């Protein structure tokens, strides 16, 4: 099944999703990720400055950056490498 960027983003913005994808080095990875502020730490001033600099660049539509709730950090993956997406029960 091929996943569309918008559908992945919609899930990430509303909850935590388990995303299975193939890394650039060929390894499979399962990540619990989100873009929902309820599951992310507050943004510091330094991070805000960095994000503003990132937004001044042209967006790469092939890659999604998200918060890995297990690792506690920002990670990214290529949309065309996604094998499976499932919302995770966070209750």
Protein backbone atom coordinates (compact mmCIF):
# COMPACT_ATOMS: atom_id res chain seq x y z
CA UNK A 1 0.00 0.00 0.00
CA UNK A 2 1.26 3.46 -0.87
CA UNK A 3 0.69 6.15 1.77
CA UNK A 4 0.01 9.75 0.82
CA UNK A 5 1.90 12.58 2.53
CA UNK A 6 -1.28 14.43 3.52
CA UNK A 7 -2.89 11.40 5.16
CA UNK A 8 0.27 10.68 7.18
CA UNK A 9 0.48 14.33 8.28
CA UNK A 10 -3.20 14.38 9.28
CA UNK A 11 -2.67 11.39 11.56
CA UNK A 12 0.51 12.83 13.07
CA UNK A 13 -1.16 16.18 13.80
CA UNK A 14 -3.98 14.59 15.83
CA UNK A 15 -2.38 11.67 17.68
CA UNK A 16 0.64 9.38 18.01
CA UNK A 17 1.19 7.05 15.06
CA UNK A 18 3.32 3.96 14.73
CA UNK A 19 5.12 4.29 11.41
CA UNK A 20 7.05 1.46 9.79
CA UNK A 21 9.47 2.58 7.10
CA UNK A 22 12.72 1.66 5.40
CA UNK A 23 15.69 3.83 6.34
CA UNK A 24 18.06 5.14 3.68
CA UNK A 25 20.58 2.42 4.69
CA UNK A 26 17.98 -0.29 3.94
CA UNK A 27 17.07 -1.16 7.54
CA UNK A 28 13.43 -1.28 8.59
CA UNK A 29 12.45 0.98 11.47
CA UNK A 30 9.32 1.29 13.56
CA UNK A 31 8.82 4.70 15.13
CA UNK A 32 6.12 6.12 17.40
CA UNK A 33 5.79 9.68 16.21
CA UNK A 34 3.57 12.74 16.39
CA UNK A 35 3.10 16.36 15.44
CA UNK A 36 0.40 16.82 18.10
CA UNK A 37 1.59 19.45 20.64
CA UNK A 38 -0.06 17.46 23.47
CA UNK A 39 2.68 14.83 23.15
CA UNK A 40 5.63 17.15 22.54
CA UNK A 41 7.66 19.24 24.98
CA UNK A 42 7.31 23.03 24.85
CA UNK A 43 9.51 24.76 22.28
CA UNK A 44 12.40 26.81 23.69
CA UNK A 45 13.48 30.16 22.23
CA UNK A 46 16.57 28.54 20.67
CA UNK A 47 14.41 25.87 19.01
CA UNK A 48 11.97 28.52 17.78
CA UNK A 49 14.84 30.41 16.12
CA UNK A 50 16.06 27.20 14.50
CA UNK A 51 12.55 26.35 13.25
CA UNK A 52 12.16 29.82 11.76
CA UNK A 53 15.44 29.33 9.88
CA UNK A 54 14.24 25.93 8.63
CA UNK A 55 10.96 27.41 7.38
CA UNK A 56 12.85 29.94 5.29
CA UNK A 57 14.17 27.01 3.20
CA UNK A 58 12.14 25.34 0.49
CA UNK A 59 10.10 22.49 1.96
CA UNK A 60 11.04 18.99 0.84
CA UNK A 61 7.69 17.28 0.13
CA UNK A 62 9.41 13.86 0.03
CA UNK A 63 10.35 13.97 3.74
CA UNK A 64 8.30 14.34 6.93
CA UNK A 65 9.91 15.55 10.16
CA UNK A 66 8.13 14.50 13.35
CA UNK A 67 8.65 14.07 17.10
CA UNK A 68 9.69 10.53 18.10
CA UNK A 69 7.91 10.02 21.44
CA UNK A 70 10.11 7.06 22.43
CA UNK A 71 13.49 8.65 21.65
CA UNK A 72 12.33 12.13 22.70
CA UNK A 73 13.68 13.91 19.65
CA UNK A 74 13.01 15.05 16.11
CA UNK A 75 13.34 12.41 13.41
CA UNK A 76 12.39 12.27 9.75
CA UNK A 77 11.50 9.71 7.13
CA UNK A 78 10.91 9.61 3.40
CA UNK A 79 7.22 9.34 2.46
CA UNK A 80 7.94 6.81 -0.29
CA UNK A 81 9.65 4.49 2.23
CA UNK A 82 6.58 4.12 4.49
CA UNK A 83 5.30 0.56 4.69
CA UNK A 84 2.63 0.93 7.39
CA UNK A 85 0.95 3.62 9.50
CA UNK A 86 -1.30 2.96 12.47
CA UNK A 87 -2.69 5.30 15.11
CA UNK A 88 -1.63 4.30 18.62
CA UNK A 89 -3.98 4.28 21.59
CA UNK A 90 -2.40 6.87 23.90
CA UNK A 91 -4.93 6.53 26.71
